């Protein structure tokens, strides 16, 4: 058995940046023996200058392609009010 899911993780604020990780979770095997791992796929970064998306190897990803694939990402971005503290 193999079960894979791609999820949007909770936003994390670091300084003036808000980071939103996109990760893949894979579970293989079954009861009583299984393995699981979590692999980073992309990072969405919201800052005073705008929102950018990067693949884990540093390539720029168009925001539209991620929001099209993960509709919940657009909702998360709409809810985040950027404030510099």
Protein backbone atom coordinates (compact mmCIF):
# COMPACT_ATOMS: atom_id res chain seq x y z
CA UNK A 1 0.00 0.00 0.00
CA UNK A 2 1.20 3.50 -0.84
CA UNK A 3 -0.60 6.68 0.12
CA UNK A 4 0.68 10.12 -0.95
CA UNK A 5 -0.79 13.51 -0.15
CA UNK A 6 0.45 17.01 -0.91
CA UNK A 7 -0.46 19.56 1.76
CA UNK A 8 -0.11 23.26 2.48
CA UNK A 9 1.37 23.68 5.95
CA UNK A 10 0.65 26.44 8.46
CA UNK A 11 2.22 29.83 7.70
CA UNK A 12 5.26 30.84 9.74
CA UNK A 13 6.25 34.48 10.28
CA UNK A 14 9.97 35.25 10.42
CA UNK A 15 10.80 38.94 10.58
CA UNK A 16 9.03 40.66 7.72
CA UNK A 17 8.45 37.41 5.82
CA UNK A 18 5.58 34.92 6.00
CA UNK A 19 6.61 31.45 4.81
CA UNK A 20 4.08 28.86 3.66
CA UNK A 21 5.61 25.40 3.07
CA UNK A 22 4.16 22.98 0.50
CA UNK A 23 5.07 19.36 1.34
CA UNK A 24 4.44 15.82 0.17
CA UNK A 25 3.66 13.12 2.72
CA UNK A 26 4.13 9.47 1.69
CA UNK A 27 3.07 6.45 3.73
CA UNK A 28 4.01 2.97 2.52
CA UNK A 29 3.38 -0.50 3.89
CA UNK A 30 0.59 -1.48 6.22
CA UNK A 31 -0.20 -2.79 9.66
CA UNK A 32 1.87 -3.71 11.63
CA UNK A 33 4.84 -2.36 9.66
CA UNK A 34 4.85 0.89 7.70
CA UNK A 35 7.08 3.83 6.92
CA UNK A 36 6.29 7.49 6.38
CA UNK A 37 8.21 10.50 5.23
CA UNK A 38 7.60 14.18 4.63
CA UNK A 39 9.36 15.87 1.71
CA UNK A 40 9.41 19.63 1.05
CA UNK A 41 8.24 20.57 -2.46
CA UNK A 42 7.92 24.36 -2.53
CA UNK A 43 7.87 27.50 -0.41
CA UNK A 44 5.50 30.44 -0.79
CA UNK A 45 7.00 33.65 0.59
CA UNK A 46 4.88 36.71 1.34
CA UNK A 47 6.77 39.95 2.04
CA UNK A 48 6.20 43.71 1.85
CA UNK A 49 7.20 43.58 -1.82
CA UNK A 50 4.73 40.83 -2.76
CA UNK A 51 4.28 37.07 -2.89
CA UNK A 52 6.69 34.67 -4.60
CA UNK A 53 6.85 30.89 -4.90
CA UNK A 54 9.97 28.76 -5.18
CA UNK A 55 10.53 25.07 -5.81
CA UNK A 56 12.72 23.35 -3.26
CA UNK A 57 15.69 23.69 -5.64
CA UNK A 58 15.23 27.48 -5.81
CA UNK A 59 13.44 27.81 -9.16
CA UNK A 60 10.68 30.43 -9.32
CA UNK A 61 7.20 28.93 -9.66
CA UNK A 62 4.32 31.09 -10.93
CA UNK A 63 1.88 31.69 -8.06
CA UNK A 64 -1.02 30.98 -10.41
CA UNK A 65 0.19 27.42 -11.05
CA UNK A 66 0.24 26.63 -7.32
CA UNK A 67 -3.11 28.26 -6.58
CA UNK A 68 -4.64 26.40 -9.52
CA UNK A 69 -3.35 23.08 -8.16
CA UNK A 70 -4.07 23.88 -4.49
CA UNK A 71 -7.20 26.01 -4.15
CA UNK A 72 -6.73 26.22 -0.36
CA UNK A 73 -3.49 28.18 -0.91
CA UNK A 74 -5.42 31.10 -2.39
CA UNK A 75 -7.73 31.11 0.65
CA UNK A 76 -4.72 31.06 3.01
CA UNK A 77 -3.09 33.97 1.15
CA UNK A 78 -6.34 35.95 1.27
CA UNK A 79 -6.57 35.45 5.05
CA UNK A 80 -3.00 36.57 5.75
CA UNK A 81 -2.83 40.29 6.36
CA UNK A 82 0.76 41.36 6.01
CA UNK A 83 1.89 43.62 8.82
CA UNK A 84 5.49 44.53 9.52
CA UNK A 85 6.26 44.41 13.24
